[in-house]
Structure formats: structure tokens, C-alpha cells
Amino acid sequence: MVLEAGAEGKAREAALEEFCRVYWYPVYAFIRRRGTEPEAARDLTQSFFAKLLKQDWMLGVERRESRFSTRLCATLKNFLVSEYRRETAAKRGGTEETLSLDMMEAEQWYGAEPETDESPERVFERRWAQTVLEAGLRRLREDCTAMGKGALYEALHPFLSVEPQPGVYELAGVVLGIVRRAVAVAVFRLRKHFQS
């Protein structure tokens, strides 16, 4: 999705929209973790994604040695410094175009986060990784459902991250009406699809 959002072509706009919709919360949590009040954090999150889209920060993103989340966090820090300077220089004018992000639950989610002494950067990296995994699982489920394999996904997705206990593949095979070997092959294929 990140690569599609950074490339030119028809899939770009949909990928950008999905990127903003899926990854806004780690940005919000990072801003809140730095001590920003909820309302200001919502505004800054909206402004960050609006600027990201307006200035085409994603254009030309490609696979690199460094992690995209590290690059995005650095971009976010620079954005926050610029916003702070702008705020202190003049009162905020309401000229920013707002982006449609579902921020209603943001503070509830943030309040449910465990107390920690971790830095905002560490929390961002952890939330980012969780969000990437959640988005990958959601996309895998959607792909399986679209291929008519929704029941297969539901029965086998727990095996994506853990090795099965003895006899568990047999039980899954009974539910799916396939043999143990077919369950093992299906789990292998799900893992490959999830990794891609």
C-alpha cells in the first residue's frame, strides 16, 4: 500500500486514502505522547495528513534499507516543529482543509494505552507495527473472502503467527472438511500471502 501510494497510476489515490485511514492512529498517539492535548492532537493529525497529501510527500516512496515508519516519524517531527513555530508566530487561521479521519475514538483508544516511560518515538514504532499487522490481517481476510475462502481464513488465521500444538491441524481439518496435510499447505499459503 505504501509503495502504491508513492507511485504514479490509477491505484495511487485509493492507496493514499487507505494509508491515511489505516495509519492515522500511530501519528495521533505520537502527538499525544509528546504532551499535546486531545483537541490540538486531533487538529495536528488532520493537518499532518492534509499536508502529506497536498505536498505529495508519498510520491517516489520505494523499498529501502531503512524502515518507512522511521522516515515517517522524522517527517512528523519536522512537521510538528514547523507547526509549533507557526503557532508561536501567529494565531492559527482556519484555512487548513480538514481530512476525513475517524477521530472520534482516538482519545478513547489513547486512554486505553498502558502507562509507560517509553519515549514518544518508541510508542510510535510499536503502534505503527501493530497497525501494519492489523492492516495486513484485514487485507488478507478481504482477499480470502473475495476468493470465496472466508471460512478457510477464519479457521486458519490463528496459525499465522504461532506453530500449532499437536492435533490442532487435524481439528481444523475436521471443521474445513480437509485432511491435515491440506491444512498445513493452506496455512503455508496464507503465511506467504500475508508476508507479501
Protein backbone atom coordinates (compact mmCIF):
# COMPACT_ATOMS: atom_id res chain seq x y z
CA MET A 1 0.00 0.00 0.00
CA VAL A 2 2.81 2.42 0.85
CA LEU A 3 4.56 1.66 -2.44
CA GLU A 4 1.29 2.11 -4.35
CA ALA A 5 0.70 5.43 -2.55
CA GLY A 6 4.15 6.61 -3.62
CA ALA A 7 3.81 5.52 -7.26
CA GLU A 8 2.02 7.20 -10.09
CA GLY A 9 -1.01 5.49 -11.59
CA LYS A 10 -4.63 4.59 -11.04
CA ALA A 11 -4.12 2.71 -7.77
CA ARG A 12 -2.35 5.68 -6.14
CA GLU A 13 -5.39 7.64 -5.00
CA ALA A 14 -7.05 4.61 -3.41
CA ALA A 15 -3.76 3.64 -1.74
CA LEU A 16 -3.30 7.16 -0.34
CA GLU A 17 -6.83 7.14 1.04
CA GLU A 18 -6.31 3.71 2.61
CA PHE A 19 -2.92 4.78 4.00
CA CYS A 20 -4.47 7.78 5.79
CA ARG A 21 -7.45 5.78 7.03
CA VAL A 22 -5.35 2.92 8.38
CA TYR A 23 -2.28 4.71 9.78
CA TRP A 24 -3.62 7.89 11.36
CA TYR A 25 -3.74 6.48 14.89
CA PRO A 26 0.04 5.95 15.39
CA VAL A 27 0.50 9.59 14.33
CA TYR A 28 -2.19 10.75 16.78
CA ALA A 29 -0.72 8.64 19.63
CA PHE A 30 2.76 10.04 18.94
CA ILE A 31 1.48 13.61 19.13
CA ARG A 32 -0.48 12.92 22.33
CA ARG A 33 2.52 11.16 23.88
CA ARG A 34 4.52 14.35 23.42
CA GLY A 35 2.09 16.08 25.78
CA THR A 36 -0.36 17.66 23.33
CA GLU A 37 -3.97 17.99 24.48
CA PRO A 38 -6.59 15.83 22.69
CA GLU A 39 -8.21 18.58 20.60
CA ALA A 40 -4.88 20.01 19.48
CA ALA A 41 -3.63 16.47 18.72
CA ARG A 42 -6.68 15.85 16.50
CA ASP A 43 -6.02 19.13 14.66
CA LEU A 44 -2.32 18.35 14.23
CA THR A 45 -3.07 14.83 12.97
CA GLN A 46 -5.54 16.21 10.44
CA SER A 47 -3.06 18.89 9.37
CA PHE A 48 -0.20 16.40 9.05
CA PHE A 49 -2.14 14.11 6.72
CA ALA A 50 -3.58 17.05 4.77
CA LYS A 51 -0.05 18.38 4.22
CA LEU A 52 1.23 14.91 3.39
CA LEU A 53 -1.39 14.67 0.63
CA LYS A 54 -1.17 18.28 -0.54
CA GLN A 55 2.62 18.31 -0.85
CA ASP A 56 2.80 14.76 -2.24
CA TRP A 57 5.26 13.52 0.40
CA MET A 58 4.48 9.94 -0.61
CA LEU A 59 5.44 10.40 -4.27
CA GLY A 60 8.53 8.39 -5.09
CA VAL A 61 8.49 6.21 -1.96
CA GLU A 62 10.35 2.99 -2.69
CA ARG A 63 11.74 -0.02 -0.85
CA ARG A 64 14.87 0.97 1.04
CA GLU A 65 17.17 -0.31 3.71
CA SER A 66 15.61 2.00 6.31
CA ARG A 67 12.09 1.43 7.61
CA PHE A 68 9.31 3.59 6.27
CA SER A 69 7.98 4.17 9.78
CA THR A 70 11.31 5.75 10.81
CA ARG A 71 11.17 8.07 7.81
CA LEU A 72 7.55 8.96 8.52
CA CYS A 73 8.32 9.64 12.20
CA ALA A 74 11.13 12.03 11.20
CA THR A 75 8.75 13.77 8.78
CA LEU A 76 6.17 14.04 11.55
CA LYS A 77 8.71 15.55 13.97
CA ASN A 78 9.72 18.14 11.36
CA PHE A 79 6.06 18.92 10.74
CA LEU A 80 5.43 19.40 14.49
CA VAL A 81 8.41 21.75 14.81
CA SER A 82 7.12 23.78 11.84
CA GLU A 83 3.62 23.88 13.32
CA TYR A 84 4.96 24.98 16.69
CA ARG A 85 6.93 27.78 15.06
CA ARG A 86 3.90 28.81 13.02
CA GLU A 87 1.67 28.73 16.10
CA THR A 88 4.00 30.89 18.12
CA ALA A 89 4.44 33.37 15.26
CA ALA A 90 0.72 33.92 14.66
CA LYS A 91 -2.63 32.59 15.79
CA ARG A 92 -3.95 29.68 13.79
CA GLY A 93 -6.22 30.76 10.92
CA GLY A 94 -8.92 28.18 9.88
CA THR A 95 -7.64 27.94 6.34
CA GLU A 96 -6.46 24.33 6.57
CA GLU A 97 -8.59 21.86 4.70
CA THR A 98 -9.70 19.08 7.05
CA LEU A 99 -9.24 15.48 6.13
CA SER A 100 -11.96 12.95 6.89
CA LEU A 101 -10.35 10.78 9.56
CA ASP A 102 -12.38 8.90 12.15
CA MET A 103 -11.02 10.68 15.21
CA MET A 104 -14.00 10.13 17.50
CA GLU A 105 -12.43 7.08 19.16
CA ALA A 106 -8.88 8.41 19.20
CA GLU A 107 -8.89 9.66 22.77
CA GLN A 108 -10.69 6.54 23.99
CA TRP A 109 -8.00 4.37 22.35
CA TYR A 110 -5.25 6.60 23.67
CA GLY A 111 -6.70 6.41 27.18
CA ALA A 112 -6.66 2.62 26.98
CA GLU A 113 -2.93 2.59 26.21
CA PRO A 114 -0.89 1.30 29.16
CA GLU A 115 1.14 3.78 31.21
CA THR A 116 4.76 3.63 30.13
CA ASP A 117 8.01 5.52 30.42
CA GLU A 118 8.79 4.85 26.76
CA SER A 119 9.67 7.74 24.50
CA PRO A 120 7.08 9.01 22.02
CA GLU A 121 9.27 7.56 19.24
CA ARG A 122 9.23 4.08 20.80
CA VAL A 123 5.45 4.23 21.29
CA PHE A 124 5.07 5.37 17.67
CA GLU A 125 7.17 2.45 16.40
CA ARG A 126 5.18 -0.06 18.48
CA ARG A 127 1.79 1.36 17.44
CA TRP A 128 2.98 1.54 13.84
CA ALA A 129 3.98 -2.14 13.86
CA GLN A 130 0.64 -3.12 15.41
CA THR A 131 -1.23 -1.08 12.82
CA VAL A 132 0.76 -2.66 9.97
CA LEU A 133 -0.08 -6.14 11.26
CA GLU A 134 -3.76 -5.28 11.71
CA ALA A 135 -3.95 -3.81 8.21
CA GLY A 136 -2.23 -6.87 6.76
CA LEU A 137 -4.64 -9.22 8.50
CA ARG A 138 -7.63 -7.16 7.36
CA ARG A 139 -6.37 -7.17 3.77
CA LEU A 140 -5.70 -10.92 3.91
CA ARG A 141 -9.23 -11.54 5.23
CA GLU A 142 -10.70 -9.36 2.47
CA ASP A 143 -8.65 -11.16 -0.20
CA CYS A 144 -9.68 -14.59 1.12
CA THR A 145 -13.33 -13.55 1.29
CA ALA A 146 -13.18 -12.19 -2.27
CA MET A 147 -11.78 -15.55 -3.44
CA GLY A 148 -14.56 -17.45 -1.62
CA LYS A 149 -12.16 -18.67 1.08
CA GLY A 150 -13.52 -16.72 4.04
CA ALA A 151 -14.18 -19.88 6.09
CA LEU A 152 -10.62 -21.05 5.42
CA TYR A 153 -9.24 -17.72 6.67
CA GLU A 154 -11.40 -17.80 9.80
CA ALA A 155 -10.31 -21.33 10.67
CA LEU A 156 -6.61 -20.87 9.92
CA HIS A 157 -5.64 -17.25 10.67
CA PRO A 158 -4.64 -18.10 14.28
CA PHE A 159 -1.79 -20.18 12.80
CA LEU A 160 -0.25 -17.20 11.01
CA SER A 161 1.91 -16.29 13.99
CA VAL A 162 2.16 -19.45 16.10
CA GLU A 163 3.14 -23.03 15.48
CA PRO A 164 0.25 -25.43 16.05
CA GLN A 165 0.03 -27.73 19.03
CA PRO A 166 -0.19 -31.46 18.23
CA GLY A 167 -3.61 -32.40 16.87
CA VAL A 168 -4.76 -28.83 16.14
CA TYR A 169 -4.37 -29.12 12.36
CA GLU A 170 -6.49 -32.29 12.49
CA LEU A 171 -9.26 -30.39 14.33
CA ALA A 172 -9.11 -27.56 11.80
CA GLY A 173 -9.26 -30.17 9.04
CA VAL A 174 -12.47 -31.61 10.51
CA VAL A 175 -14.04 -28.11 10.55
CA LEU A 176 -12.96 -27.44 6.96
CA GLY A 177 -13.53 -30.97 5.66
CA ILE A 178 -9.91 -31.44 4.55
CA VAL A 179 -7.01 -33.62 5.68
CA ARG A 180 -4.19 -32.49 7.98
CA ARG A 181 -1.69 -32.20 5.10
CA ALA A 182 -4.08 -29.89 3.21
CA VAL A 183 -4.43 -27.75 6.35
CA ALA A 184 -0.63 -27.44 6.59
CA VAL A 185 -0.40 -26.43 2.92
CA ALA A 186 -3.24 -23.89 3.34
CA VAL A 187 -1.51 -22.35 6.39
CA PHE A 188 1.76 -22.15 4.45
CA ARG A 189 -0.01 -20.34 1.58
CA LEU A 190 -1.81 -17.97 3.97
CA ARG A 191 1.52 -17.08 5.58
CA LYS A 192 3.08 -16.38 2.16
CA HIS A 193 0.11 -14.21 1.16
CA PHE A 194 0.27 -12.36 4.49
CA GLN A 195 4.00 -11.68 4.02
CA SER A 196 3.53 -10.21 0.55
